Amino acid sequence: MRSLFYLLAAWTVATFWLIMLTTRLLPNSPASQNIKEILKFPSSLEELKLMASSLITFKMNHPVYVHTLFFSAYLYKQTFAIPGSVFLNLLSGALYGPLQGTIICSVLTACGASMCYFLSLISGAEMIMRRWPDRLTQLRRQVDSNKKRLPFFLLSLRLVPVTPNWFINMTSPVLGIPITVFAATALLGLVPYNYMCVKAGSVLSQLNSLNDLLTMQTFGNLCILAAVSSLPGLLNNKLEKVVKSMD
């Protein structure tokens, strides 16, 4: 019961901050009324394009507000494992461009994932074990078998989105993954995916469907990166076996 209280308290405070940010703290300017009408989490590409064009214009006169709004919304999504961060990655490309947008999204992803980690640590362990027992058991088995090359294994999980990132974020404290390894692999492992989305967002007007993001070629490139990231760990494991056999 106490764990549920912590979760609800954190969600209430974060939600209250977003509400204040989009109402009471909205800058007083002629364009504010139009901005207020479109300030919500986009659920379609059309809504995203409308929001992006409005925020780009609003950012010229109120950059600090737009930065604060974007950072807060991104962390909110990541912390509470809410689907739809791809829209914010695309929005980042439209607002900040490919390079700066990728850096911002990667840092925010790592910070938000770490906040989700700690929230799960203090409130979500029992719920996770009760709701996804089979999935958790399978992931625990994989983590245990890759203990000696855990950073490389986690990098491969992040690079190829077979296991959802929100599930990795929520279950990592339950599986005993150290926060330092968790945060570092979240930061580095999601750079390629973030860059792919942010780059597409930088030419948002030319994007016709979210399906255009993950083509077979892109997925293949991510698989290659995952394999490369796992290679040092595999080589280290082989080397240890060779050394033991020589002894």
Foldseek 3Di string as FASTA:
>chain_A
DVLVVLVVVVLVVLVVVLVCLLPVVQDDDPLSVVLSVLPDQDDFLVSLVVNLVSVLVVCVVPVVSSVVNLLSVLLSCLQVVNPDCLSSLLSLLSNPNLPVSLLSNLLSNLVSLLNNLVSLLRRNLVVCCVPPVPVLVVVLVVCVVLVQPNLLLLLLCLLQVPDPSSNCSNCVVVSVNDSVSSSVSSSPSNSLVSSLSSNCSNPSVPDDHPVVSDDVVSNVVSNVVSVVSCVVSVVVVVVVVVVVVVD
